[in-house]
């Protein structure tokens, strides 16, 4: 295998690894979006309830009673955490996409010089 072929294989392997990592991050983001939607729905339902409504939280095999204020605080905190995680994952996705573009450019450059 000559140097150009080795470089092409190396770039191809690197690109495939980046693509796998990117796919993992995209799946993580989708899971976070699902959790975000679920928690927003819970928040809407809580806001409809009367202040003296009975709210129960499933903790392991046990249902624990919570007051509305505590439940709202927990859901708000969870939503804030999920929003921050989505921002973090978006940043990682962008960085990986940029790295993929750099590798793609290198592949085109190597292919061009190999054809000369």
PDB file of N, CA and C in Angstrom:
ATOM      1  N   UNK A   1       0.859  -1.177   0.000  1.00  0.00           N
ATOM      2  CA  UNK A   1       0.000   0.000   0.000  1.00  0.00           C
ATOM      3  C   UNK A   1       0.903   1.237   0.000  1.00  0.00           C
ATOM      4  N   UNK A   2       0.646   2.164  -0.924  1.00  0.00           N
ATOM      5  CA  UNK A   2       1.481   3.365  -0.976  1.00  0.00           C
ATOM      6  C   UNK A   2       1.009   4.393   0.054  1.00  0.00           C
ATOM      7  N   UNK A   3       1.768   5.493   0.157  1.00  0.00           N
ATOM      8  CA  UNK A   3       1.469   6.518   1.167  1.00  0.00           C
ATOM      9  C   UNK A   3       0.085   7.134   0.982  1.00  0.00           C
ATOM     10  N   UNK A   4      -0.301   7.357  -0.261  1.00  0.00           N
ATOM     11  CA  UNK A   4      -1.604   7.970  -0.530  1.00  0.00           C
ATOM     12  C   UNK A   4      -2.733   7.048  -0.076  1.00  0.00           C
ATOM     13  N   UNK A   5      -2.597   5.765  -0.376  1.00  0.00           N
ATOM     14  CA  UNK A   5      -3.622   4.806   0.048  1.00  0.00           C
ATOM     15  C   UNK A   5      -3.686   4.699   1.571  1.00  0.00           C
ATOM     16  N   UNK A   6      -2.526   4.723   2.217  1.00  0.00           N
ATOM     17  CA  UNK A   6      -2.500   4.672   3.683  1.00  0.00           C
ATOM     18  C   UNK A   6      -3.161   5.912   4.276  1.00  0.00           C
ATOM     19  N   UNK A   7      -2.878   7.060   3.678  1.00  0.00           N
ATOM     20  CA  UNK A   7      -3.484   8.302   4.167  1.00  0.00           C
ATOM     21  C   UNK A   7      -5.000   8.278   3.952  1.00  0.00           C
ATOM     22  N   UNK A   8      -5.427   7.775   2.790  1.00  0.00           N
ATOM     23  CA  UNK A   8      -6.861   7.666   2.520  1.00  0.00           C
ATOM     24  C   UNK A   8      -7.537   6.729   3.525  1.00  0.00           C
ATOM     25  N   UNK A   9      -6.903   5.603   3.816  1.00  0.00           N
ATOM     26  CA  UNK A   9      -7.466   4.659   4.782  1.00  0.00           C
ATOM     27  C   UNK A   9      -7.513   5.284   6.173  1.00  0.00           C
ATOM     28  N   UNK A  10      -6.463   5.962   6.549  1.00  0.00           N
ATOM     29  CA  UNK A  10      -6.410   6.615   7.860  1.00  0.00           C
ATOM     30  C   UNK A  10      -7.516   7.663   7.989  1.00  0.00           C
ATOM     31  N   UNK A  11      -7.670   8.485   6.960  1.00  0.00           N
ATOM     32  CA  UNK A  11      -8.716   9.509   6.970  1.00  0.00           C
ATOM     33  C   UNK A  11     -10.106   8.878   6.982  1.00  0.00           C
ATOM     34  N   UNK A  12     -10.257   7.806   6.227  1.00  0.00           N
ATOM     35  CA  UNK A  12     -11.542   7.115   6.183  1.00  0.00           C
ATOM     36  C   UNK A  12     -11.894   6.533   7.555  1.00  0.00           C
ATOM     37  N   UNK A  13     -10.919   5.921   8.207  1.00  0.00           N
ATOM     38  CA  UNK A  13     -11.148   5.365   9.549  1.00  0.00           C
ATOM     39  C   UNK A  13     -11.504   6.463  10.542  1.00  0.00           C
ATOM     40  N   UNK A  14     -10.777   7.559  10.474  1.00  0.00           N
ATOM     41  CA  UNK A  14     -11.042   8.684  11.373  1.00  0.00           C
ATOM     42  C   UNK A  14     -12.447   9.246  11.134  1.00  0.00           C
ATOM     43  N   UNK A  15     -12.817   9.358   9.865  1.00  0.00           N
ATOM     44  CA  UNK A  15     -14.138   9.873   9.517  1.00  0.00           C
ATOM     45  C   UNK A  15     -15.236   8.943  10.046  1.00  0.00           C
ATOM     46  N   UNK A  16     -15.050   7.643   9.893  1.00  0.00           N
ATOM     47  CA  UNK A  16     -16.044   6.678  10.381  1.00  0.00           C
ATOM     48  C   UNK A  16     -16.181   6.748  11.900  1.00  0.00           C
ATOM     49  N   UNK A  17     -15.059   6.906  12.601  1.00  0.00           N
ATOM     50  CA  UNK A  17     -15.112   7.040  14.062  1.00  0.00           C
ATOM     51  C   UNK A  17     -15.872   8.295  14.469  1.00  0.00           C
ATOM     52  N   UNK A  18     -15.617   9.393  13.773  1.00  0.00           N
ATOM     53  CA  UNK A  18     -16.328  10.638  14.061  1.00  0.00           C
ATOM     54  C   UNK A  18     -17.821  10.489  13.781  1.00  0.00           C
ATOM     55  N   UNK A  19     -18.160   9.792  12.712  1.00  0.00           N
ATOM     56  CA  UNK A  19     -19.564   9.572  12.370  1.00  0.00           C
ATOM     57  C   UNK A  19     -20.274   8.748  13.450  1.00  0.00           C
ATOM     58  N   UNK A  20     -19.586   7.721  13.956  1.00  0.00           N
ATOM     59  CA  UNK A  20     -20.169   6.907  15.036  1.00  0.00           C
ATOM     60  C   UNK A  20     -20.391   7.751  16.291  1.00  0.00           C
ATOM     61  N   UNK A  21     -19.393   8.552  16.630  1.00  0.00           N
ATOM     62  CA  UNK A  21     -19.509   9.418  17.802  1.00  0.00           C
ATOM     63  C   UNK A  21     -20.633  10.437  17.612  1.00  0.00           C
ATOM     64  N   UNK A  22     -20.729  10.983  16.416  1.00  0.00           N
ATOM     65  CA  UNK A  22     -21.786  11.941  16.098  1.00  0.00           C
ATOM     66  C   UNK A  22     -23.161  11.283  16.244  1.00  0.00           C
ATOM     67  N   UNK A  23     -23.293  10.076  15.751  1.00  0.00           N
ATOM     68  CA  UNK A  23     -24.566   9.351  15.852  1.00  0.00           C
ATOM     69  C   UNK A  23     -24.949   9.123  17.313  1.00  0.00           C
ATOM     70  N   UNK A  24     -23.971   8.798  18.141  1.00  0.00           N
ATOM     71  CA  UNK A  24     -24.222   8.603  19.573  1.00  0.00           C
ATOM     72  C   UNK A  24     -24.746   9.883  20.211  1.00  0.00           C
ATOM     73  N   UNK A  25     -24.135  11.009  19.858  1.00  0.00           N
ATOM     74  CA  UNK A  25     -24.568  12.292  20.416  1.00  0.00           C
ATOM     75  C   UNK A  25     -25.963  12.687  19.909  1.00  0.00           C
ATOM     76  N   UNK A  26     -26.250  12.381  18.668  1.00  0.00           N
ATOM     77  CA  UNK A  26     -27.575  12.687  18.117  1.00  0.00           C
ATOM     78  C   UNK A  26     -28.642  11.869  18.846  1.00  0.00           C
ATOM     79  N   UNK A  27     -28.347  10.609  19.117  1.00  0.00           N
ATOM     80  CA  UNK A  27     -29.294   9.772  19.869  1.00  0.00           C
ATOM     81  C   UNK A  27     -29.483  10.301  21.290  1.00  0.00           C
ATOM     82  N   UNK A  28     -28.407  10.770  21.899  1.00  0.00           N
ATOM     83  CA  UNK A  28     -28.503  11.362  23.241  1.00  0.00           C
ATOM     84  C   UNK A  28     -29.394  12.590  23.220  1.00  0.00           C
ATOM     85  N   UNK A  29     -29.241  13.402  22.186  1.00  0.00           N
ATOM     86  CA  UNK A  29     -30.051  14.616  22.079  1.00  0.00           C
ATOM     87  C   UNK A  29     -31.533  14.256  21.914  1.00  0.00           C
ATOM     88  N   UNK A  30     -31.803  13.249  21.107  1.00  0.00           N
ATOM     89  CA  UNK A  30     -33.192  12.823  20.912  1.00  0.00           C
ATOM     90  C   UNK A  30     -33.806  12.343  22.228  1.00  0.00           C
ATOM     91  N   UNK A  31     -33.029  11.613  23.015  1.00  0.00           N
ATOM     92  CA  UNK A  31     -33.508  11.144  24.319  1.00  0.00           C
ATOM     93  C   UNK A  31     -33.782  12.336  25.236  1.00  0.00           C
ATOM     94  N   UNK A  32     -32.893  13.320  25.220  1.00  0.00           N
ATOM     95  CA  UNK A  32     -33.090  14.519  26.043  1.00  0.00           C
ATOM     96  C   UNK A  32     -34.340  15.284  25.604  1.00  0.00           C
ATOM     97  N   UNK A  33     -34.558  15.383  24.294  1.00  0.00           N
ATOM     98  CA  UNK A  33     -35.752  16.066  23.795  1.00  0.00           C
ATOM     99  C   UNK A  33     -37.020  15.350  24.255  1.00  0.00           C
ATOM    100  N   UNK A  34     -36.976  14.028  24.256  1.00  0.00           N
ATOM    101  CA  UNK A  34     -38.120  13.248  24.724  1.00  0.00           C
ATOM    102  C   UNK A  34     -38.381  13.521  26.209  1.00  0.00           C
ATOM    103  N   UNK A  35     -37.326  13.543  27.004  1.00  0.00           N
ATOM    104  CA  UNK A  35     -37.462  13.839  28.432  1.00  0.00           C
ATOM    105  C   UNK A  35     -37.972  15.259  28.645  1.00  0.00           C
ATOM    106  N   UNK A  36     -37.493  16.181  27.828  1.00  0.00           N
ATOM    107  CA  UNK A  36     -37.922  17.577  27.934  1.00  0.00           C
ATOM    108  C   UNK A  36     -39.424  17.694  27.649  1.00  0.00           C
ATOM    109  N   UNK A  37     -39.878  17.046  26.597  1.00  0.00           N
ATOM    110  CA  UNK A  37     -41.298  17.070  26.245  1.00  0.00           C
ATOM    111  C   UNK A  37     -42.145  16.471  27.367  1.00  0.00           C
ATOM    112  N   UNK A  38     -41.696  15.356  27.896  1.00  0.00           N
ATOM    113  CA  UNK A  38     -42.423  14.695  28.984  1.00  0.00           C
ATOM    114  C   UNK A  38     -42.518  15.611  30.209  1.00  0.00           C
ATOM    115  N   UNK A  39     -41.417  16.256  30.560  1.00  0.00           N
ATOM    116  CA  UNK A  39     -41.416  17.129  31.736  1.00  0.00           C
ATOM    117  C   UNK A  39     -42.230  18.397  31.514  1.00  0.00           C
ATOM    118  N   UNK A  40     -42.251  18.908  30.291  1.00  0.00           N
ATOM    119  CA  UNK A  40     -43.095  20.072  29.998  1.00  0.00           C
ATOM    120  C   UNK A  40     -44.569  19.708  30.129  1.00  0.00           C
ATOM    121  N   UNK A  41     -44.906  18.497  29.712  1.00  0.00           N
ATOM    122  CA  UNK A  41     -46.284  18.024  29.852  1.00  0.00           C
ATOM    123  C   UNK A  41     -46.659  17.903  31.329  1.00  0.00           C
ATOM    124  N   UNK A  42     -45.755  17.359  32.130  1.00  0.00           N
ATOM    125  CA  UNK A  42     -45.995  17.240  33.575  1.00  0.00           C
ATOM    126  C   UNK A  42     -46.184  18.625  34.182  1.00  0.00           C
ATOM    127  N   UNK A  43     -45.347  19.569  33.784  1.00  0.00           N
ATOM    128  CA  UNK A  43     -45.440  20.935  34.303  1.00  0.00           C
ATOM    129  C   UNK A  43     -46.793  21.561  33.965  1.00  0.00           C
ATOM    130  N   UNK A  44     -47.260  21.369  32.732  1.00  0.00           N
ATOM    131  CA  UNK A  44     -48.577  21.890  32.335  1.00  0.00           C
ATOM    132  C   UNK A  44     -49.684  21.272  33.187  1.00  0.00           C
ATOM    133  N   UNK A  45     -49.580  19.970  33.413  1.00  0.00           N
ATOM    134  CA  UNK A  45     -50.588  19.283  34.226  1.00  0.00           C
ATOM    135  C   UNK A  45     -50.575  19.802  35.662  1.00  0.00           C
ATOM    136  N   UNK A  46     -49.389  20.030  36.209  1.00  0.00           N
ATOM    137  CA  UNK A  46     -49.284  20.551  37.577  1.00  0.00           C
ATOM    138  C   UNK A  46     -49.917  21.929  37.693  1.00  0.00           C
ATOM    139  N   UNK A  47     -49.744  22.754  36.685  1.00  0.00           N
ATOM    140  CA  UNK A  47     -50.277  24.120  36.735  1.00  0.00           C
ATOM    141  C   UNK A  47     -51.806  24.133  36.692  1.00  0.00           C
ATOM    142  N   UNK A  48     -52.397  23.093  36.142  1.00  0.00           N
ATOM    143  CA  UNK A  48     -53.855  22.987  36.087  1.00  0.00           C
ATOM    144  C   UNK A  48     -54.428  22.614  37.452  1.00  0.00           C
ATOM    145  N   UNK A  49     -53.650  21.875  38.228  1.00  0.00           N
ATOM    146  CA  UNK A  49     -54.129  21.352  39.515  1.00  0.00           C
ATOM    147  C   UNK A  49     -54.346  22.457  40.546  1.00  0.00           C
ATOM    148  N   UNK A  50     -55.271  22.204  41.459  1.00  0.00           N
ATOM    149  CA  UNK A  50     -55.466  23.096  42.610  1.00  0.00           C
ATOM    150  C   UNK A  50     -54.247  22.999  43.525  1.00  0.00           C
ATOM    151  N   UNK A  51     -54.030  24.036  44.330  1.00  0.00           N
ATOM    152  CA  UNK A  51     -52.880  24.040  45.231  1.00  0.00           C
ATOM    153  C   UNK A  51     -52.939  22.925  46.272  1.00  0.00           C
ATOM    154  N   UNK A  52     -54.128  22.473  46.605  1.00  0.00           N
ATOM    155  CA  UNK A  52     -54.262  21.425  47.619  1.00  0.00           C
ATOM    156  C   UNK A  52     -54.402  20.017  47.013  1.00  0.00           C
ATOM    157  N   UNK A  53     -54.136  19.901  45.725  1.00  0.00           N
ATOM    158  CA  UNK A  53     -54.259  18.603  45.048  1.00  0.00           C
ATOM    159  C   UNK A  53     -53.217  17.618  45.578  1.00  0.00           C
ATOM    160  N   UNK A  54     -53.574  16.359  45.576  1.00  0.00           N
ATOM    161  CA  UNK A  54     -52.640  15.306  45.982  1.00  0.00           C
ATOM    162  C   UNK A  54     -51.744  14.951  44.799  1.00  0.00           C
ATOM    163  N   UNK A  55     -50.442  15.038  45.026  1.00  0.00           N
ATOM    164  CA  UNK A  55     -49.457  14.687  44.001  1.00  0.00           C
ATOM    165  C   UNK A  55     -48.570  13.601  44.598  1.00  0.00           C
ATOM    166  N   UNK A  56     -48.347  12.559  43.808  1.00  0.00           N
ATOM    167  CA  UNK A  56     -47.523  11.453  44.274  1.00  0.00           C
ATOM    168  C   UNK A  56     -46.352  11.263  43.319  1.00  0.00           C
ATOM    169  N   UNK A  57     -45.199  10.956  43.914  1.00  0.00           N
ATOM    170  CA  UNK A  57     -43.991  10.710  43.131  1.00  0.00           C
ATOM    171  C   UNK A  57     -43.606   9.250  43.323  1.00  0.00           C
ATOM    172  N   UNK A  58     -43.358   8.566  42.210  1.00  0.00           N
ATOM    173  CA  UNK A  58     -42.946   7.168  42.270  1.00  0.00           C
ATOM    174  C   UNK A  58     -41.451   7.113  42.572  1.00  0.00           C
ATOM    175  N   UNK A  59     -41.108   6.569  43.722  1.00  0.00           N
ATOM    176  CA  UNK A  59     -39.712   6.416  44.125  1.00  0.00           C
ATOM    177  C   UNK A  59     -39.478   4.934  44.369  1.00  0.00           C
ATOM    178  N   UNK A  60     -38.814   4.293  43.421  1.00  0.00           N
ATOM    179  CA  UNK A  60     -38.678   2.840  43.498  1.00  0.00           C
ATOM    180  C   UNK A  60     -40.057   2.220  43.394  1.00  0.00           C
ATOM    181  N   UNK A  61     -40.388   1.306  44.309  1.00  0.00           N
ATOM    182  CA  UNK A  61     -41.717   0.681  44.265  1.00  0.00           C
ATOM    183  C   UNK A  61     -42.768   1.426  45.096  1.00  0.00           C
ATOM    184  N   UNK A  62     -42.404   2.611  45.625  1.00  0.00           N
ATOM    185  CA  UNK A  62     -43.270   3.317  46.571  1.00  0.00           C
ATOM    186  C   UNK A  62     -43.746   4.643  45.982  1.00  0.00           C
ATOM    187  N   UNK A  63     -45.024   4.967  46.208  1.00  0.00           N
ATOM    188  CA  UNK A  63     -45.560   6.280  45.858  1.00  0.00           C
ATOM    189  C   UNK A  63     -45.459   7.181  47.085  1.00  0.00           C
ATOM    190  N   UNK A  64     -44.737   8.305  46.935  1.00  0.00           N
ATOM    191  CA  UNK A  64     -44.578   9.254  48.032  1.00  0.00           C
ATOM    192  C   UNK A  64     -45.372  10.512  47.733  1.00  0.00           C
ATOM    193  N   UNK A  65     -46.081  10.995  48.747  1.00  0.00           N
ATOM    194  CA  UNK A  65     -46.886  12.201  48.580  1.00  0.00           C
ATOM    195  C   UNK A  65     -45.969  13.427  48.585  1.00  0.00           C
ATOM    196  N   UNK A  66     -46.259  14.377  47.671  1.00  0.00           N
ATOM    197  CA  UNK A  66     -45.525  15.639  47.590  1.00  0.00           C
ATOM    198  C   UNK A  66     -46.535  16.767  47.530  1.00  0.00           C
ATOM    199  N   UNK A  67     -46.138  17.926  48.050  1.00  0.00           N
ATOM    200  CA  UNK A  67     -47.037  19.061  47.854  1.00  0.00           C
ATOM    201  C   UNK A  67     -46.731  19.684  46.496  1.00  0.00           C
ATOM    202  N   UNK A  68     -47.654  20.463  46.005  1.00  0.00           N
ATOM    203  CA  UNK A  68     -47.570  21.006  44.647  1.00  0.00           C
ATOM    204  C   UNK A  68     -46.328  21.871  44.467  1.00  0.00           C
ATOM    205  N   UNK A  69     -46.000  22.690  45.461  1.00  0.00           N
ATOM    206  CA  UNK A  69     -44.838  23.582  45.356  1.00  0.00           C
ATOM    207  C   UNK A  69     -43.553  22.782  45.176  1.00  0.00           C
ATOM    208  N   UNK A  70     -43.372  21.750  45.994  1.00  0.00           N
ATOM    209  CA  UNK A  70     -42.171  20.914  45.875  1.00  0.00           C
ATOM    210  C   UNK A  70     -42.118  20.212  44.522  1.00  0.00           C
ATOM    211  N   UNK A  71     -43.242  19.694  44.088  1.00  0.00           N
ATOM    212  CA  UNK A  71     -43.292  18.991  42.807  1.00  0.00           C
ATOM    213  C   UNK A  71     -42.950  19.934  41.654  1.00  0.00           C
ATOM    214  N   UNK A  72     -43.488  21.164  41.710  1.00  0.00           N
ATOM    215  CA  UNK A  72     -43.173  22.157  40.668  1.00  0.00           C
ATOM    216  C   UNK A  72     -41.692  22.495  40.666  1.00  0.00           C
ATOM    217  N   UNK A  73     -41.105  22.643  41.852  1.00  0.00           N
ATOM    218  CA  UNK A  73     -39.676  22.958  41.942  1.00  0.00           C
ATOM    219  C   UNK A  73     -38.823  21.836  41.354  1.00  0.00           C
ATOM    220  N   UNK A  74     -39.203  20.600  41.633  1.00  0.00           N
ATOM    221  CA  UNK A  74     -38.458  19.451  41.118  1.00  0.00           C
ATOM    222  C   UNK A  74     -38.531  19.410  39.588  1.00  0.00           C
ATOM    223  N   UNK A  75     -39.717  19.601  39.044  1.00  0.00           N
ATOM    224  CA  UNK A  75     -39.885  19.552  37.585  1.00  0.00           C
ATOM    225  C   UNK A  75     -39.169  20.731  36.926  1.00  0.00           C
ATOM    226  N   UNK A  76     -39.256  21.924  37.522  1.00  0.00           N
ATOM    227  CA  UNK A  76     -38.536  23.084  36.981  1.00  0.00           C
ATOM    228  C   UNK A  76     -37.029  22.838  36.968  1.00  0.00           C
ATOM    229  N   UNK A  77     -36.510  22.291  38.061  1.00  0.00           N
ATOM    230  CA  UNK A  77     -35.075  22.001  38.143  1.00  0.00           C
ATOM    231  C   UNK A  77     -34.676  20.958  37.103  1.00  0.00           C
ATOM    232  N   UNK A  78     -35.520  19.943  36.933  1.00  0.00           N
ATOM    233  CA  UNK A  78     -35.241  18.904  35.943  1.00  0.00           C
ATOM    234  C   UNK A  78     -35.236  19.494  34.535  1.00  0.00           C
ATOM    235  N   UNK A  79     -36.194  20.373  34.246  1.00  0.00           N
ATOM    236  CA  UNK A  79     -36.242  21.019  32.926  1.00  0.00           C
ATOM    237  C   UNK A  79     -35.009  21.883  32.687  1.00  0.00           C
ATOM    238  N   UNK A  80     -34.579  22.594  33.705  1.00  0.00           N
ATOM    239  CA  UNK A  80     -33.382  23.426  33.569  1.00  0.00           C
ATOM    240  C   UNK A  80     -32.156  22.548  33.293  1.00  0.00           C
ATOM    241  N   UNK A  81     -32.047  21.442  34.013  1.00  0.00           N
ATOM    242  CA  UNK A  81     -30.943  20.510  33.792  1.00  0.00           C
ATOM    243  C   UNK A  81     -30.977  19.963  32.364  1.00  0.00           C
ATOM    244  N   UNK A  82     -32.149  19.553  31.910  1.00  0.00           N
ATOM    245  CA  UNK A  82     -32.290  19.002  30.558  1.00  0.00           C
ATOM    246  C   UNK A  82     -31.934  20.054  29.512  1.00  0.00           C
ATOM    247  N   UNK A  83     -32.382  21.295  29.704  1.00  0.00           N
ATOM    248  CA  UNK A  83     -32.041  22.379  28.772  1.00  0.00           C
ATOM    249  C   UNK A  83     -30.529  22.565  28.683  1.00  0.00           C
ATOM    250  N   UNK A  84     -29.858  22.538  29.830  1.00  0.00           N
ATOM    251  CA  UNK A  84     -28.396  22.683  29.841  1.00  0.00           C
ATOM    252  C   UNK A  84     -27.713  21.507  29.157  1.00  0.00           C
ATOM    253  N   UNK A  85     -28.236  20.306  29.368  1.00  0.00           N
ATOM    254  CA  UNK A  85     -27.672  19.127  28.715  1.00  0.00           C
ATOM    255  C   UNK A  85     -27.863  19.195  27.195  1.00  0.00           C
ATOM    256  N   UNK A  86     -29.007  19.672  26.752  1.00  0.00           N
ATOM    257  CA  UNK A  86     -29.249  19.817  25.313  1.00  0.00           C
ATOM    258  C   UNK A  86     -28.252  20.805  24.717  1.00  0.00           C
ATOM    259  N   UNK A  87     -28.012  21.911  25.401  1.00  0.00           N
ATOM    260  CA  UNK A  87     -27.028  22.891  24.918  1.00  0.00           C
ATOM    261  C   UNK A  87     -25.638  22.272  24.840  1.00  0.00           C
ATOM    262  N   UNK A  88     -25.271  21.493  25.861  1.00  0.00           N
ATOM    263  CA  UNK A  88     -23.954  20.850  25.887  1.00  0.00           C
ATOM    264  C   UNK A  88     -23.817  19.855  24.732  1.00  0.00           C
ATOM    265  N   UNK A  89     -24.843  19.039  24.524  1.00  0.00           N
ATOM    266  CA  UNK A  89     -24.808  18.040  23.452  1.00  0.00           C
ATOM    267  C   UNK A  89     -24.817  18.726  22.084  1.00  0.00           C
ATOM    268  N   UNK A  90     -25.576  19.814  21.942  1.00  0.00           N
ATOM    269  CA  UNK A  90     -25.581  20.570  20.682  1.00  0.00           C
ATOM    270  C   UNK A  90     -24.183  21.083  20.354  1.00  0.00           C
ATOM    271  N   UNK A  91     -23.485  21.560  21.374  1.00  0.00           N
ATOM    272  CA  UNK A  91     -22.114  22.055  21.172  1.00  0.00           C
ATOM    273  C   UNK A  91     -21.205  20.913  20.712  1.00  0.00           C
ATOM    274  N   UNK A  92     -21.341  19.743  21.335  1.00  0.00           N
ATOM    275  CA  UNK A  92     -20.536  18.592  20.940  1.00  0.00           C
ATOM    276  C   UNK A  92     -20.867  18.149  19.517  1.00  0.00           C
ATOM    277  N   UNK A  93     -22.143  18.163  19.168  1.00  0.00           N
ATOM    278  CA  UNK A  93     -22.554  17.790  17.811  1.00  0.00           C
ATOM    279  C   UNK A  93     -21.940  18.745  16.798  1.00  0.00           C
ATOM    280  N   UNK A  94     -21.986  20.040  17.088  1.00  0.00           N
ATOM    281  CA  UNK A  94     -21.413  21.047  16.184  1.00  0.00           C
ATOM    282  C   UNK A  94     -19.915  20.816  16.011  1.00  0.00           C
ATOM    283  N   UNK A  95     -19.216  20.558  17.122  1.00  0.00           N
ATOM    284  CA  UNK A  95     -17.774  20.311  17.045  1.00  0.00           C
ATOM    285  C   UNK A  95     -17.471  19.072  16.201  1.00  0.00           C
ATOM    286  N   UNK A  96     -18.250  18.017  16.379  1.00  0.00           N
ATOM    287  CA  UNK A  96     -18.041  16.801  15.596  1.00  0.00           C
ATOM    288  C   UNK A  96     -18.348  17.024  14.118  1.00  0.00           C
ATOM    289  N   UNK A  97     -19.392  17.791  13.831  1.00  0.00           N
ATOM    290  CA  UNK A  97     -19.708  18.106  12.437  1.00  0.00           C
ATOM    291  C   UNK A  97     -18.572  18.904  11.799  1.00  0.00           C
ATOM    292  N   UNK A  98     -18.006  19.838  12.556  1.00  0.00           N
ATOM    293  CA  UNK A  98     -16.872  20.617  12.048  1.00  0.00           C
ATOM    294  C   UNK A  98     -15.666  19.712  11.785  1.00  0.00           C
ATOM    295  N   UNK A  99     -15.410  18.784  12.704  1.00  0.00           N
ATOM    296  CA  UNK A  99     -14.295  17.852  12.516  1.00  0.00           C
ATOM    297  C   UNK A  99     -14.528  16.965  11.294  1.00  0.00           C
ATOM    298  N   UNK A 100     -15.757  16.530  11.097  1.00  0.00           N
ATOM    299  CA  UNK A 100     -16.091  15.717   9.919  1.00  0.00           C
ATOM    300  C   UNK A 100     -15.847  16.498   8.635  1.00  0.00           C
ATOM    301  N   UNK A 101     -16.194  17.776   8.662  1.00  0.00           N
ATOM    302  CA  UNK A 101     -15.988  18.611   7.473  1.00  0.00           C
ATOM    303  C   UNK A 101     -14.496  18.770   7.172  1.00  0.00           C
ATOM    304  N   UNK A 102     -13.687  18.915   8.214  1.00  0.00           N
ATOM    305  CA  UNK A 102     -12.234  19.023   8.027  1.00  0.00           C
ATOM    306  C   UNK A 102     -11.696  17.734   7.405  1.00  0.00           C
ATOM    307  N   UNK A 103     -12.121  16.594   7.913  1.00  0.00           N
ATOM    308  CA  UNK A 103     -11.672  15.303   7.374  1.00  0.00           C
ATOM    309  C   UNK A 103     -12.143  15.135   5.934  1.00  0.00           C
ATOM    310  N   UNK A 104     -13.381  15.522   5.662  1.00  0.00           N
ATOM    311  CA  UNK A 104     -13.922  15.423   4.302  1.00  0.00           C
ATOM    312  C   UNK A 104     -13.076  16.261   3.334  1.00  0.00           C
ATOM    313  N   UNK A 105     -12.692  17.454   3.770  1.00  0.00           N
ATOM    314  CA  UNK A 105     -11.851  18.321   2.941  1.00  0.00           C
ATOM    315  C   UNK A 105     -10.493  17.670   2.692  1.00  0.00           C
ATOM    316  N   UNK A 106      -9.924  17.055   3.718  1.00  0.00           N
ATOM    317  CA  UNK A 106      -8.634  16.371   3.564  1.00  0.00           C
ATOM    318  C   UNK A 106      -8.751  15.208   2.587  1.00  0.00           C
ATOM    319  N   UNK A 107      -9.852  14.468   2.655  1.00  0.00           N
ATOM    320  CA  UNK A 107     -10.065  13.340   1.746  1.00  0.00           C
ATOM    321  C   UNK A 107     -10.119  13.833   0.306  1.00  0.00           C
ATOM    322  N   UNK A 108     -10.847  14.896   0.071  1.00  0.00           N
ATOM    323  CA  UNK A 108     -10.938  15.464  -1.281  1.00  0.00           C
ATOM    324  C   UNK A 108      -9.557  15.910  -1.748  1.00  0.00           C
ATOM    325  N   UNK A 109      -8.805  16.531  -0.858  1.00  0.00           N
ATOM    326  CA  UNK A 109      -7.456  17.006  -1.193  1.00  0.00           C
ATOM    327  C   UNK A 109      -6.546  15.825  -1.552  1.00  0.00           C
ATOM    328  N   UNK A 110      -6.578  14.766  -0.752  1.00  0.00           N
ATOM    329  CA  UNK A 110      -5.744  13.587  -1.013  1.00  0.00           C
ATOM    330  C   UNK A 110      -6.178  12.911  -2.310  1.00  0.00           C
ATOM    331  N   UNK A 111      -7.480  12.773  -2.525  1.00  0.00           N
ATOM    332  CA  UNK A 111      -7.983  12.161  -3.760  1.00  0.00           C
ATOM    333  C   UNK A 111      -7.570  12.967  -4.984  1.00  0.00           C
ATOM    334  N   UNK A 112      -7.627  14.280  -4.860  1.00  0.00           N
ATOM    335  CA  UNK A 112      -7.250  15.147  -5.978  1.00  0.00           C
ATOM    336  C   UNK A 112      -5.777  14.960  -6.322  1.00  0.00           C
ATOM    337  N   UNK A 113      -4.923  14.968  -5.302  1.00  0.00           N
ATOM    338  CA  UNK A 113      -3.484  14.816  -5.549  1.00  0.00           C
ATOM    339  C   UNK A 113      -3.136  13.402  -6.010  1.00  0.00           C
ATOM    340  N   UNK A 114      -3.911  12.423  -5.625  1.00  0.00           N
ATOM    341  CA  UNK A 114      -3.666  11.046  -6.066  1.00  0.00           C
ATOM    342  C   UNK A 114      -4.017  10.874  -7.538  1.00  0.00           C
ATOM    343  N   UNK A 115      -4.959  11.678  -8.014  1.00  0.00           N
ATOM    344  CA  UNK A 115      -5.383  11.543  -9.412  1.00  0.00           C
ATOM    345  C   UNK A 115      -4.486  12.305 -10.378  1.00  0.00           C
ATOM    346  N   UNK A 116      -3.599  13.125  -9.840  1.00  0.00           N
ATOM    347  CA  UNK A 116      -2.712  13.919 -10.717  1.00  0.00           C
ATOM    348  C   UNK A 116      -1.553  13.079 -11.194  1.00  0.00           C
TER     349      UNK A 116
END
